[in-house]
Amino acid sequence: LDERALDAAINALESGEKTVLLVGSALLESQEAMALLHGIAEKTGADILAPTSNRRMERGQGRFAINKVPYPINAALECLAPYSRAILIETPPPVAFFAYPGKPSLLLPVDCHTVTLAAVDADGSTALAALADRIGAKPATPRDHERPAAPQAGGITLQNLGAALANALPEDAIVVDEAVSSGGATFPAGDSAAPNTWLALTGGSIGIGIPLSAGAAIACPDRPVITLQADGSAMYTIQGLWTQARENSNVTTIILANQSYEILKGELHNVGAQPGPDALSMLNLDRPQLDFVAMAKGMGVPGKRVEDIADLMRTIEEAAKEPGPFLIEAML
């Protein structure tokens, strides 16, 4: 434990200035650490944020919620703009994913005083316990998060998708999040759903969802696995469905089918590119349109195409109860 860093963190919390605790890695997997973290926040008035990408988070009713630094560059800058002090625990300073013209790469304000209490590979739990002890903070008690009402019949949209998932996710599910452009709509569901483990990519590649789900199901055969899978990135590793069938894994793969590499279109715009029709056509998943139910069937995984939000909830609930894999193509 670096005593000078501990003193600097205490000074930040006692400064009276707007302060954020940025925490990642193992702390997000420990309810004991999260209780201390929220106790410190309650004692000092500091805010808590996780990095944009995290390998694992323990979420759901009876657990502590934590917001993430948003992925979109403008939203990230707006989120972090109020802070003049930042304390980093098991996470590096947040940076932009790409070099955006006219936008900073370092996301914290230039005049924000930053303290690294524990580096990424350090023991953040020990540092957190020392910080709580020095300021007299006690572990907080988790509060349940109000679950949104289950949406009624109608088309599947980004506006109703999160509420549907919050109501449909089974207890003790392992959620594999590769929703990509739908991720902003799906992530909040993890806090008000039944207790769950949330797994996600921590880098910049795409295609982790289907194989990561197979691995999670093999590691934890007694737990249902729910994959939130963008259609474009599914095409990188679609053969993982064959592995799920071979292993008879209890994985429900939800293909969020917007029929486009939508995230890439957005990033082309953000970096100032002006793509023409030929470039944009390469980012559309049509000509021919993909049929994920047919592809899944060809690899031994039954599936269903769904266009109604209430039907999506019912199908998730039914599929999670049955052994073996199942694919839902949710048409956005």
C-alpha atoms as a PDB file:
ATOM      1  CA  LEU A   1       0.000   0.000   0.000  1.00  0.00           C
ATOM      2  CA  ASP A   2       1.373   3.403  -1.033  1.00  0.00           C
ATOM      3  CA  GLU A   3       0.831   5.643   2.000  1.00  0.00           C
ATOM      4  CA  ARG A   4       1.402   8.791  -0.041  1.00  0.00           C
ATOM      5  CA  ALA A   5      -1.297   7.743  -2.494  1.00  0.00           C
ATOM      6  CA  LEU A   6      -3.597   6.973   0.439  1.00  0.00           C
ATOM      7  CA  ASP A   7      -3.004  10.435   1.905  1.00  0.00           C
ATOM      8  CA  ALA A   8      -3.636  12.024  -1.499  1.00  0.00           C
ATOM      9  CA  ALA A   9      -6.903  10.082  -1.885  1.00  0.00           C
ATOM     10  CA  ILE A  10      -8.074  11.239   1.539  1.00  0.00           C
ATOM     11  CA  ASN A  11      -7.186  14.820   0.654  1.00  0.00           C
ATOM     12  CA  ALA A  12      -9.253  14.516  -2.529  1.00  0.00           C
ATOM     13  CA  LEU A  13     -12.264  13.161  -0.638  1.00  0.00           C
ATOM     14  CA  GLU A  14     -11.985  15.871   2.016  1.00  0.00           C
ATOM     15  CA  SER A  15     -11.312  18.706  -0.446  1.00  0.00           C
ATOM     16  CA  GLY A  16     -14.951  19.647  -0.898  1.00  0.00           C
ATOM     17  CA  GLU A  17     -14.421  19.469  -4.652  1.00  0.00           C
ATOM     18  CA  LYS A  18     -16.388  17.248  -7.034  1.00  0.00           C
ATOM     19  CA  THR A  19     -14.688  13.850  -6.751  1.00  0.00           C
ATOM     20  CA  VAL A  20     -15.153  10.543  -8.569  1.00  0.00           C
ATOM     21  CA  LEU A  21     -13.943   7.083  -7.560  1.00  0.00           C
ATOM     22  CA  LEU A  22     -13.079   5.183 -10.747  1.00  0.00           C
ATOM     23  CA  VAL A  23     -12.879   1.475  -9.947  1.00  0.00           C
ATOM     24  CA  GLY A  24     -12.390  -1.641 -12.049  1.00  0.00           C
ATOM     25  CA  SER A  25     -11.160  -5.221 -12.295  1.00  0.00           C
ATOM     26  CA  ALA A  26     -11.529  -7.404  -9.193  1.00  0.00           C
ATOM     27  CA  LEU A  27     -13.388  -4.772  -7.165  1.00  0.00           C
ATOM     28  CA  LEU A  28     -16.416  -5.102  -9.454  1.00  0.00           C
ATOM     29  CA  GLU A  29     -16.531  -8.835  -8.719  1.00  0.00           C
ATOM     30  CA  SER A  30     -16.551  -8.500  -4.906  1.00  0.00           C
ATOM     31  CA  GLN A  31     -19.670  -7.576  -2.956  1.00  0.00           C
ATOM     32  CA  GLU A  32     -17.512  -6.845   0.099  1.00  0.00           C
ATOM     33  CA  ALA A  33     -15.435  -4.351  -1.875  1.00  0.00           C
ATOM     34  CA  MET A  34     -18.541  -2.784  -3.403  1.00  0.00           C
ATOM     35  CA  ALA A  35     -20.091  -2.368   0.054  1.00  0.00           C
ATOM     36  CA  LEU A  36     -16.991  -0.511   1.281  1.00  0.00           C
ATOM     37  CA  LEU A  37     -16.865   1.552  -1.887  1.00  0.00           C
ATOM     38  CA  HIS A  38     -20.461   2.685  -1.492  1.00  0.00           C
ATOM     39  CA  GLY A  39     -19.850   3.316   2.207  1.00  0.00           C
ATOM     40  CA  ILE A  40     -17.024   5.679   1.284  1.00  0.00           C
ATOM     41  CA  ALA A  41     -19.261   7.408  -1.256  1.00  0.00           C
ATOM     42  CA  GLU A  42     -22.056   7.835   1.300  1.00  0.00           C
ATOM     43  CA  LYS A  43     -19.603   9.218   3.861  1.00  0.00           C
ATOM     44  CA  THR A  44     -17.894  11.686   1.525  1.00  0.00           C
ATOM     45  CA  GLY A  45     -20.397  12.504  -1.225  1.00  0.00           C
ATOM     46  CA  ALA A  46     -18.075  11.194  -3.924  1.00  0.00           C
ATOM     47  CA  ASP A  47     -19.466   9.526  -7.035  1.00  0.00           C
ATOM     48  CA  ILE A  48     -18.522   6.050  -8.284  1.00  0.00           C
ATOM     49  CA  LEU A  49     -17.934   4.999 -11.885  1.00  0.00           C
ATOM     50  CA  ALA A  50     -16.633   1.860 -13.561  1.00  0.00           C
ATOM     51  CA  PRO A  51     -14.614   1.900 -16.794  1.00  0.00           C
ATOM     52  CA  THR A  52     -16.449   1.545 -20.086  1.00  0.00           C
ATOM     53  CA  SER A  53     -15.364  -2.100 -20.471  1.00  0.00           C
ATOM     54  CA  ASN A  54     -15.192  -4.607 -17.607  1.00  0.00           C
ATOM     55  CA  ARG A  55     -14.510  -8.317 -17.639  1.00  0.00           C
ATOM     56  CA  ARG A  56     -17.067  -9.194 -14.967  1.00  0.00           C
ATOM     57  CA  MET A  57     -19.601  -7.443 -12.745  1.00  0.00           C
ATOM     58  CA  GLU A  58     -21.866  -8.964 -10.090  1.00  0.00           C
ATOM     59  CA  ARG A  59     -25.225  -7.271 -10.571  1.00  0.00           C
ATOM     60  CA  GLY A  60     -28.955  -7.483  -9.880  1.00  0.00           C
ATOM     61  CA  GLN A  61     -31.329  -7.255  -6.948  1.00  0.00           C
ATOM     62  CA  GLY A  62     -29.641  -7.286  -3.547  1.00  0.00           C
ATOM     63  CA  ARG A  63     -26.361  -6.040  -5.015  1.00  0.00           C
ATOM     64  CA  PHE A  64     -24.764  -2.658  -5.600  1.00  0.00           C
ATOM     65  CA  ALA A  65     -25.335  -0.787  -8.840  1.00  0.00           C
ATOM     66  CA  ILE A  66     -22.530   1.123 -10.491  1.00  0.00           C
ATOM     67  CA  ASN A  67     -22.649   3.242 -13.625  1.00  0.00           C
ATOM     68  CA  LYS A  68     -20.019   3.029 -16.354  1.00  0.00           C
ATOM     69  CA  VAL A  69     -18.180   5.726 -18.255  1.00  0.00           C
ATOM     70  CA  PRO A  70     -20.188   5.786 -21.504  1.00  0.00           C
ATOM     71  CA  TYR A  71     -18.627   4.499 -24.718  1.00  0.00           C
ATOM     72  CA  PRO A  72     -19.709   7.332 -27.076  1.00  0.00           C
ATOM     73  CA  ILE A  73     -17.087  10.061 -26.954  1.00  0.00           C
ATOM     74  CA  ASN A  74     -19.448  13.012 -26.386  1.00  0.00           C
ATOM     75  CA  ALA A  75     -21.355  11.200 -23.638  1.00  0.00           C
ATOM     76  CA  ALA A  76     -18.086  10.187 -21.944  1.00  0.00           C
ATOM     77  CA  LEU A  77     -16.753  13.749 -21.938  1.00  0.00           C
ATOM     78  CA  GLU A  78     -20.052  15.052 -20.570  1.00  0.00           C
ATOM     79  CA  CYS A  79     -20.104  12.381 -17.856  1.00  0.00           C
ATOM     80  CA  LEU A  80     -16.614  13.221 -16.585  1.00  0.00           C
ATOM     81  CA  ALA A  81     -16.670  16.999 -17.105  1.00  0.00           C
ATOM     82  CA  PRO A  82     -17.913  17.902 -13.580  1.00  0.00           C
ATOM     83  CA  TYR A  83     -14.979  16.314 -11.727  1.00  0.00           C
ATOM     84  CA  SER A  84     -11.945  18.173 -10.467  1.00  0.00           C
ATOM     85  CA  ARG A  85     -10.651  15.169  -8.458  1.00  0.00           C
ATOM     86  CA  ALA A  86     -10.429  11.502  -9.473  1.00  0.00           C
ATOM     87  CA  ILE A  87      -9.257   8.484  -7.471  1.00  0.00           C
ATOM     88  CA  LEU A  88      -8.302   5.436  -9.571  1.00  0.00           C
ATOM     89  CA  ILE A  89      -8.485   1.951  -8.062  1.00  0.00           C
ATOM     90  CA  GLU A  90      -7.518  -1.017 -10.260  1.00  0.00           C
ATOM     91  CA  THR A  91      -8.119   0.963 -13.451  1.00  0.00           C
ATOM     92  CA  PRO A  92      -6.043   3.289 -15.659  1.00  0.00           C
ATOM     93  CA  PRO A  93      -7.257   6.802 -16.519  1.00  0.00           C
ATOM     94  CA  PRO A  94     -10.133   6.632 -19.008  1.00  0.00           C
ATOM     95  CA  VAL A  95      -9.245   7.261 -22.642  1.00  0.00           C
ATOM     96  CA  ALA A  96     -11.223   7.647 -25.862  1.00  0.00           C
ATOM     97  CA  PHE A  97     -11.509   4.551 -28.031  1.00  0.00           C
ATOM     98  CA  PHE A  98     -10.437   6.317 -31.222  1.00  0.00           C
ATOM     99  CA  ALA A  99      -8.615   9.560 -32.054  1.00  0.00           C
ATOM    100  CA  TYR A 100     -11.565  11.834 -32.740  1.00  0.00           C
ATOM    101  CA  PRO A 101     -10.855  15.132 -34.546  1.00  0.00           C
ATOM    102  CA  GLY A 102     -11.156  18.050 -32.156  1.00  0.00           C
ATOM    103  CA  LYS A 103     -11.773  15.797 -29.145  1.00  0.00           C
ATOM    104  CA  PRO A 104      -9.324  14.916 -26.360  1.00  0.00           C
ATOM    105  CA  SER A 105      -8.005  11.367 -26.019  1.00  0.00           C
ATOM    106  CA  LEU A 106      -7.816  11.657 -22.225  1.00  0.00           C
ATOM    107  CA  LEU A 107     -11.406  11.841 -20.991  1.00  0.00           C
ATOM    108  CA  LEU A 108     -10.957  13.409 -17.548  1.00  0.00           C
ATOM    109  CA  PRO A 109     -10.824  17.222 -17.586  1.00  0.00           C
ATOM    110  CA  VAL A 110      -7.317  18.589 -18.112  1.00  0.00           C
ATOM    111  CA  ASP A 111      -7.395  20.296 -14.706  1.00  0.00           C
ATOM    112  CA  CYS A 112      -8.665  17.213 -12.853  1.00  0.00           C
ATOM    113  CA  HIS A 113      -6.237  16.145 -10.130  1.00  0.00           C
ATOM    114  CA  THR A 114      -5.859  12.356 -10.418  1.00  0.00           C
ATOM    115  CA  VAL A 115      -4.637   9.945  -7.736  1.00  0.00           C
ATOM    116  CA  THR A 116      -3.869   6.279  -8.416  1.00  0.00           C
ATOM    117  CA  LEU A 117      -4.673   4.579  -5.113  1.00  0.00           C
ATOM    118  CA  ALA A 118      -4.077   1.092  -6.553  1.00  0.00           C
ATOM    119  CA  ALA A 119      -2.768   0.246 -10.017  1.00  0.00           C
ATOM    120  CA  VAL A 120      -4.499  -2.221 -12.308  1.00  0.00           C
ATOM    121  CA  ASP A 121      -2.403  -5.139 -11.064  1.00  0.00           C
ATOM    122  CA  ALA A 122      -2.358  -4.056  -7.397  1.00  0.00           C
ATOM    123  CA  ASP A 123      -4.510  -5.176  -4.454  1.00  0.00           C
ATOM    124  CA  GLY A 124      -7.376  -2.727  -4.681  1.00  0.00           C
ATOM    125  CA  SER A 125      -9.357  -4.375  -1.893  1.00  0.00           C
ATOM    126  CA  THR A 126      -6.598  -3.720   0.649  1.00  0.00           C
ATOM    127  CA  ALA A 127      -6.244  -0.119  -0.521  1.00  0.00           C
ATOM    128  CA  LEU A 128     -10.015   0.365  -0.352  1.00  0.00           C
ATOM    129  CA  ALA A 129     -10.173  -1.070   3.171  1.00  0.00           C
ATOM    130  CA  ALA A 130      -7.369   1.265   4.297  1.00  0.00           C
ATOM    131  CA  LEU A 131      -9.151   4.246   2.759  1.00  0.00           C
ATOM    132  CA  ALA A 132     -12.431   3.351   4.477  1.00  0.00           C
ATOM    133  CA  ASP A 133     -10.649   2.898   7.807  1.00  0.00           C
ATOM    134  CA  ARG A 134      -8.878   6.242   7.592  1.00  0.00           C
ATOM    135  CA  ILE A 135     -12.063   8.217   6.879  1.00  0.00           C
ATOM    136  CA  GLY A 136     -14.300   6.179   9.180  1.00  0.00           C
ATOM    137  CA  ALA A 137     -16.560   4.747   6.475  1.00  0.00           C
ATOM    138  CA  LYS A 138     -18.568   1.573   7.118  1.00  0.00           C
ATOM    139  CA  PRO A 139     -19.834  -0.936   4.528  1.00  0.00           C
ATOM    140  CA  ALA A 140     -23.059   0.232   2.942  1.00  0.00           C
ATOM    141  CA  THR A 141     -26.204  -1.856   2.619  1.00  0.00           C
ATOM    142  CA  PRO A 142     -27.343  -2.638  -0.935  1.00  0.00           C
ATOM    143  CA  ARG A 143     -30.716  -1.315  -2.022  1.00  0.00           C
ATOM    144  CA  ASP A 144     -32.932  -3.061  -4.520  1.00  0.00           C
ATOM    145  CA  HIS A 145     -33.470  -1.230  -7.778  1.00  0.00           C
ATOM    146  CA  GLU A 146     -36.993  -0.700  -9.018  1.00  0.00           C
ATOM    147  CA  ARG A 147     -37.673  -2.967 -11.943  1.00  0.00           C
ATOM    148  CA  PRO A 148     -39.361  -1.306 -14.919  1.00  0.00           C
ATOM    149  CA  ALA A 149     -42.787  -2.535 -15.878  1.00  0.00           C
ATOM    150  CA  ALA A 150     -42.777  -5.377 -18.373  1.00  0.00           C
ATOM    151  CA  PRO A 151     -43.526  -3.949 -21.820  1.00  0.00           C
ATOM    152  CA  GLN A 152     -46.734  -5.000 -23.510  1.00  0.00           C
ATOM    153  CA  ALA A 153     -47.104  -6.352 -27.023  1.00  0.00           C
ATOM    154  CA  GLY A 154     -45.433  -4.338 -29.753  1.00  0.00           C
ATOM    155  CA  GLY A 155     -42.297  -4.100 -31.841  1.00  0.00           C
ATOM    156  CA  ILE A 156     -38.837  -4.584 -30.329  1.00  0.00           C
ATOM    157  CA  THR A 157     -37.075  -1.234 -29.896  1.00  0.00           C
ATOM    158  CA  LEU A 158     -34.097   0.146 -28.010  1.00  0.00           C
ATOM    159  CA  GLN A 159     -36.627   1.936 -25.815  1.00  0.00           C
ATOM    160  CA  ASN A 160     -38.332  -1.245 -24.535  1.00  0.00           C
ATOM    161  CA  LEU A 161     -35.499  -3.761 -24.796  1.00  0.00           C
ATOM    162  CA  GLY A 162     -33.936  -3.016 -21.405  1.00  0.00           C
ATOM    163  CA  ALA A 163     -37.242  -3.333 -19.555  1.00  0.00           C
ATOM    164  CA  ALA A 164     -37.940  -6.636 -21.298  1.00  0.00           C
ATOM    165  CA  LEU A 165     -34.568  -8.064 -20.287  1.00  0.00           C
ATOM    166  CA  ALA A 166     -34.893  -6.845 -16.692  1.00  0.00           C
ATOM    167  CA  ASN A 167     -38.105  -8.848 -16.386  1.00  0.00           C
ATOM    168  CA  ALA A 168     -37.039 -11.909 -18.382  1.00  0.00           C
ATOM    169  CA  LEU A 169     -33.504 -12.658 -17.153  1.00  0.00           C
ATOM    170  CA  PRO A 170     -33.566 -15.783 -14.959  1.00  0.00           C
ATOM    171  CA  GLU A 171     -32.085 -15.818 -11.465  1.00  0.00           C
ATOM    172  CA  ASP A 172     -28.341 -16.475 -11.240  1.00  0.00           C
ATOM    173  CA  ALA A 173     -27.910 -16.021 -14.988  1.00  0.00           C
ATOM    174  CA  ILE A 174     -24.540 -15.398 -16.559  1.00  0.00           C
ATOM    175  CA  VAL A 175     -25.114 -12.574 -19.034  1.00  0.00           C
ATOM    176  CA  VAL A 176     -22.594 -12.256 -21.859  1.00  0.00           C
ATOM    177  CA  ASP A 177     -22.812  -8.732 -23.249  1.00  0.00           C
ATOM    178  CA  GLU A 178     -21.794  -8.151 -26.850  1.00  0.00           C
ATOM    179  CA  ALA A 179     -24.777  -5.977 -27.667  1.00  0.00           C
ATOM    180  CA  VAL A 180     -22.465  -3.317 -29.195  1.00  0.00           C
ATOM    181  CA  SER A 181     -24.696  -0.552 -30.630  1.00  0.00           C
ATOM    182  CA  SER A 182     -27.618  -1.838 -28.512  1.00  0.00           C
ATOM    183  CA  GLY A 183     -25.468  -1.973 -25.361  1.00  0.00           C
ATOM    184  CA  GLY A 184     -26.610   1.361 -24.006  1.00  0.00           C
ATOM    185  CA  ALA A 185     -30.174   0.050 -23.989  1.00  0.00           C
ATOM    186  CA  THR A 186     -29.420  -3.388 -22.562  1.00  0.00           C
ATOM    187  CA  PHE A 187     -26.872  -2.621 -19.827  1.00  0.00           C
ATOM    188  CA  PRO A 188     -29.271  -1.000 -17.304  1.00  0.00           C
ATOM    189  CA  ALA A 189     -31.307  -4.226 -17.210  1.00  0.00           C
ATOM    190  CA  GLY A 190     -28.589  -5.926 -15.181  1.00  0.00           C
ATOM    191  CA  ASP A 191     -29.211  -3.780 -12.101  1.00  0.00           C
ATOM    192  CA  SER A 192     -32.956  -4.398 -11.665  1.00  0.00           C
ATOM    193  CA  ALA A 193     -33.006  -8.006 -12.902  1.00  0.00           C
ATOM    194  CA  ALA A 194     -32.622 -11.040 -10.672  1.00  0.00           C
ATOM    195  CA  PRO A 195     -29.046 -11.533  -9.363  1.00  0.00           C
ATOM    196  CA  ASN A 196     -26.674 -12.111 -12.272  1.00  0.00           C
ATOM    197  CA  THR A 197     -23.065 -12.145 -13.388  1.00  0.00           C
ATOM    198  CA  TRP A 198     -22.354  -9.778 -16.285  1.00  0.00           C
ATOM    199  CA  LEU A 199     -19.436 -10.628 -18.595  1.00  0.00           C
ATOM    200  CA  ALA A 200     -18.168  -8.424 -21.409  1.00  0.00           C
ATOM    201  CA  LEU A 201     -15.303  -7.754 -23.787  1.00  0.00           C
ATOM    202  CA  THR A 202     -12.480  -5.589 -22.400  1.00  0.00           C
ATOM    203  CA  GLY A 203     -10.752  -4.694 -25.669  1.00  0.00           C
ATOM    204  CA  GLY A 204     -11.647  -3.532 -29.132  1.00  0.00           C
ATOM    205  CA  SER A 205     -12.276  -6.718 -31.083  1.00  0.00           C
ATOM    206  CA  ILE A 206     -15.724  -8.082 -31.843  1.00  0.00           C
ATOM    207  CA  GLY A 207     -17.033 -11.641 -31.879  1.00  0.00           C
ATOM    208  CA  ILE A 208     -16.469 -12.693 -28.278  1.00  0.00           C
ATOM    209  CA  GLY A 209     -20.124 -13.240 -27.349  1.00  0.00           C
ATOM    210  CA  ILE A 210     -20.893 -16.702 -28.738  1.00  0.00           C
ATOM    211  CA  PRO A 211     -17.598 -18.425 -27.771  1.00  0.00           C
ATOM    212  CA  LEU A 212     -17.465 -16.705 -24.367  1.00  0.00           C
ATOM    213  CA  SER A 213     -20.963 -18.030 -23.686  1.00  0.00           C
ATOM    214  CA  ALA A 214     -19.872 -21.548 -24.569  1.00  0.00           C
ATOM    215  CA  GLY A 215     -16.981 -21.271 -22.132  1.00  0.00           C
ATOM    216  CA  ALA A 216     -19.165 -19.831 -19.373  1.00  0.00           C
ATOM    217  CA  ALA A 217     -21.699 -22.635 -19.777  1.00  0.00           C
ATOM    218  CA  ILE A 218     -19.002 -25.302 -19.630  1.00  0.00           C
ATOM    219  CA  ALA A 219     -17.489 -23.679 -16.524  1.00  0.00           C
ATOM    220  CA  CYS A 220     -20.868 -23.260 -14.783  1.00  0.00           C
ATOM    221  CA  PRO A 221     -23.201 -25.974 -16.125  1.00  0.00           C
ATOM    222  CA  ASP A 222     -25.755 -25.344 -13.372  1.00  0.00           C
ATOM    223  CA  ARG A 223     -26.335 -21.718 -14.394  1.00  0.00           C
ATOM    224  CA  PRO A 224     -28.293 -20.398 -17.396  1.00  0.00           C
ATOM    225  CA  VAL A 225     -26.252 -18.304 -19.826  1.00  0.00           C
ATOM    226  CA  ILE A 226     -27.917 -15.466 -21.739  1.00  0.00           C
ATOM    227  CA  THR A 227     -26.000 -13.899 -24.639  1.00  0.00           C
ATOM    228  CA  LEU A 228     -26.839 -10.374 -25.801  1.00  0.00           C
ATOM    229  CA  GLN A 229     -25.305 -10.602 -29.246  1.00  0.00           C
ATOM    230  CA  ALA A 230     -25.093  -7.994 -32.010  1.00  0.00           C
ATOM    231  CA  ASP A 231     -25.768  -9.521 -35.406  1.00  0.00           C
ATOM    232  CA  GLY A 232     -22.694  -8.104 -37.133  1.00  0.00           C
ATOM    233  CA  SER A 233     -20.182  -9.319 -34.572  1.00  0.00           C
ATOM    234  CA  ALA A 234     -21.961 -12.698 -34.365  1.00  0.00           C
ATOM    235  CA  MET A 235     -20.779 -13.357 -37.913  1.00  0.00           C
ATOM    236  CA  TYR A 236     -17.144 -13.406 -36.760  1.00  0.00           C
ATOM    237  CA  THR A 237     -17.615 -16.475 -34.550  1.00  0.00           C
ATOM    238  CA  ILE A 238     -20.976 -17.985 -35.510  1.00  0.00           C
ATOM    239  CA  GLN A 239     -19.359 -21.448 -35.506  1.00  0.00           C
ATOM    240  CA  GLY A 240     -19.374 -21.275 -31.694  1.00  0.00           C
ATOM    241  CA  LEU A 241     -23.021 -22.332 -31.892  1.00  0.00           C
ATOM    242  CA  TRP A 242     -21.787 -25.760 -33.031  1.00  0.00           C
ATOM    243  CA  THR A 243     -19.703 -25.978 -29.870  1.00  0.00           C
ATOM    244  CA  GLN A 244     -22.739 -25.073 -27.770  1.00  0.00           C
ATOM    245  CA  ALA A 245     -24.717 -27.862 -29.450  1.00  0.00           C
ATOM    246  CA  ARG A 246     -21.874 -30.355 -29.086  1.00  0.00           C
ATOM    247  CA  GLU A 247     -21.577 -29.588 -25.363  1.00  0.00           C
ATOM    248  CA  ASN A 248     -25.375 -29.345 -24.863  1.00  0.00           C
ATOM    249  CA  SER A 249     -24.753 -25.992 -23.163  1.00  0.00           C
ATOM    250  CA  ASN A 250     -27.649 -24.106 -21.587  1.00  0.00           C
ATOM    251  CA  VAL A 251     -27.040 -20.929 -23.603  1.00  0.00           C
ATOM    252  CA  THR A 252     -29.803 -18.695 -24.904  1.00  0.00           C
ATOM    253  CA  THR A 253     -28.297 -16.527 -27.653  1.00  0.00           C
ATOM    254  CA  ILE A 254     -30.314 -13.378 -28.368  1.00  0.00           C
ATOM    255  CA  ILE A 255     -29.287 -11.972 -31.735  1.00  0.00           C
ATOM    256  CA  LEU A 256     -30.074  -8.242 -31.688  1.00  0.00           C
ATOM    257  CA  ALA A 257     -30.710  -7.944 -35.401  1.00  0.00           C
ATOM    258  CA  ASN A 258     -30.552  -4.382 -36.698  1.00  0.00           C
ATOM    259  CA  GLN A 259     -29.162  -5.847 -39.969  1.00  0.00           C
ATOM    260  CA  SER A 260     -26.193  -3.503 -39.987  1.00  0.00           C
ATOM    261  CA  TYR A 261     -22.730  -2.860 -38.555  1.00  0.00           C
ATOM    262  CA  GLU A 262     -24.319   0.163 -36.930  1.00  0.00           C
ATOM    263  CA  ILE A 263     -21.481   0.837 -34.498  1.00  0.00           C
ATOM    264  CA  LEU A 264     -19.032   1.208 -37.410  1.00  0.00           C
ATOM    265  CA  LYS A 265     -21.306   3.646 -39.198  1.00  0.00           C
ATOM    266  CA  GLY A 266     -21.391   5.785 -36.072  1.00  0.00           C
ATOM    267  CA  GLU A 267     -17.633   5.703 -35.625  1.00  0.00           C
ATOM    268  CA  LEU A 268     -17.024   6.619 -39.273  1.00  0.00           C
ATOM    269  CA  HIS A 269     -19.113   9.721 -38.651  1.00  0.00           C
ATOM    270  CA  ASN A 270     -17.332  10.479 -35.359  1.00  0.00           C
ATOM    271  CA  VAL A 271     -13.848  10.406 -36.902  1.00  0.00           C
ATOM    272  CA  GLY A 272     -14.953  12.810 -39.621  1.00  0.00           C
ATOM    273  CA  ALA A 273     -15.147  10.357 -42.527  1.00  0.00           C
ATOM    274  CA  GLN A 274     -17.631  10.949 -45.317  1.00  0.00           C
ATOM    275  CA  PRO A 275     -18.265   7.436 -46.654  1.00  0.00           C
ATOM    276  CA  GLY A 276     -19.951   7.061 -50.002  1.00  0.00           C
ATOM    277  CA  PRO A 277     -22.658   4.552 -50.900  1.00  0.00           C
ATOM    278  CA  ASP A 278     -20.175   1.790 -51.769  1.00  0.00           C
ATOM    279  CA  ALA A 279     -18.448   2.055 -48.377  1.00  0.00           C
ATOM    280  CA  LEU A 280     -21.749   2.181 -46.500  1.00  0.00           C
ATOM    281  CA  SER A 281     -23.081  -0.808 -48.404  1.00  0.00           C
ATOM    282  CA  MET A 282     -20.295  -2.938 -46.930  1.00  0.00           C
ATOM    283  CA  LEU A 283     -21.659  -2.179 -43.465  1.00  0.00           C
ATOM    284  CA  ASN A 284     -25.185  -3.409 -44.199  1.00  0.00           C
ATOM    285  CA  LEU A 285     -26.098  -7.024 -43.505  1.00  0.00           C
ATOM    286  CA  ASP A 286     -28.311  -7.488 -46.527  1.00  0.00           C
ATOM    287  CA  ARG A 287     -28.058  -8.715 -50.135  1.00  0.00           C
ATOM    288  CA  PRO A 288     -28.755 -11.409 -48.991  1.00  0.00           C
ATOM    289  CA  GLN A 289     -30.377 -10.850 -45.620  1.00  0.00           C
ATOM    290  CA  LEU A 290     -28.961 -13.067 -42.886  1.00  0.00           C
ATOM    291  CA  ASP A 291     -31.116 -15.832 -41.417  1.00  0.00           C
ATOM    292  CA  PHE A 292     -29.695 -16.638 -37.999  1.00  0.00           C
ATOM    293  CA  VAL A 293     -32.358 -19.212 -37.198  1.00  0.00           C
ATOM    294  CA  ALA A 294     -31.376 -21.187 -40.302  1.00  0.00           C
ATOM    295  CA  MET A 295     -27.660 -20.863 -39.509  1.00  0.00           C
ATOM    296  CA  ALA A 296     -28.254 -22.052 -35.955  1.00  0.00           C
ATOM    297  CA  LYS A 297     -30.309 -25.023 -37.157  1.00  0.00           C
ATOM    298  CA  GLY A 298     -27.468 -26.002 -39.470  1.00  0.00           C
ATOM    299  CA  MET A 299     -25.182 -26.262 -36.423  1.00  0.00           C
ATOM    300  CA  GLY A 300     -27.638 -28.184 -34.268  1.00  0.00           C
ATOM    301  CA  VAL A 301     -29.126 -25.271 -32.316  1.00  0.00           C
ATOM    302  CA  PRO A 302     -32.900 -24.726 -32.455  1.00  0.00           C
ATOM    303  CA  GLY A 303     -34.095 -21.154 -32.819  1.00  0.00           C
ATOM    304  CA  LYS A 304     -36.929 -18.730 -33.369  1.00  0.00           C
ATOM    305  CA  ARG A 305     -37.278 -15.330 -35.028  1.00  0.00           C
ATOM    306  CA  VAL A 306     -39.143 -12.851 -32.809  1.00  0.00           C
ATOM    307  CA  GLU A 307     -40.578  -9.459 -33.731  1.00  0.00           C
ATOM    308  CA  ASP A 308     -42.779  -8.737 -30.688  1.00  0.00           C
ATOM    309  CA  ILE A 309     -41.336  -7.567 -27.345  1.00  0.00           C
ATOM    310  CA  ALA A 310     -43.737  -9.612 -25.196  1.00  0.00           C
ATOM    311  CA  ASP A 311     -42.959 -12.685 -27.287  1.00  0.00           C
ATOM    312  CA  LEU A 312     -39.258 -12.011 -26.755  1.00  0.00           C
ATOM    313  CA  MET A 313     -39.696 -12.063 -22.966  1.00  0.00           C
ATOM    314  CA  ARG A 314     -41.678 -15.309 -23.069  1.00  0.00           C
ATOM    315  CA  THR A 315     -39.160 -16.957 -25.356  1.00  0.00           C
ATOM    316  CA  ILE A 316     -36.196 -15.986 -23.143  1.00  0.00           C
ATOM    317  CA  GLU A 317     -37.933 -17.372 -20.063  1.00  0.00           C
ATOM    318  CA  GLU A 318     -38.861 -20.647 -21.782  1.00  0.00           C
ATOM    319  CA  ALA A 319     -35.465 -21.165 -23.411  1.00  0.00           C
ATOM    320  CA  ALA A 320     -33.541 -20.559 -20.192  1.00  0.00           C
ATOM    321  CA  LYS A 321     -35.528 -23.274 -18.402  1.00  0.00           C
ATOM    322  CA  GLU A 322     -34.747 -25.908 -21.024  1.00  0.00           C
ATOM    323  CA  PRO A 323     -31.382 -27.699 -21.182  1.00  0.00           C
ATOM    324  CA  GLY A 324     -29.260 -27.196 -24.251  1.00  0.00           C
ATOM    325  CA  PRO A 325     -28.730 -24.157 -26.487  1.00  0.00           C
ATOM    326  CA  PHE A 326     -31.367 -22.009 -28.160  1.00  0.00           C
ATOM    327  CA  LEU A 327     -31.124 -18.982 -30.457  1.00  0.00           C
ATOM    328  CA  ILE A 328     -33.554 -16.072 -30.600  1.00  0.00           C
ATOM    329  CA  GLU A 329     -33.295 -13.701 -33.559  1.00  0.00           C
ATOM    330  CA  ALA A 330     -34.801 -10.482 -32.161  1.00  0.00           C
ATOM    331  CA  MET A 331     -35.688  -8.167 -35.028  1.00  0.00           C
ATOM    332  CA  LEU A 332     -35.044  -4.521 -34.111  1.00  0.00           C
END
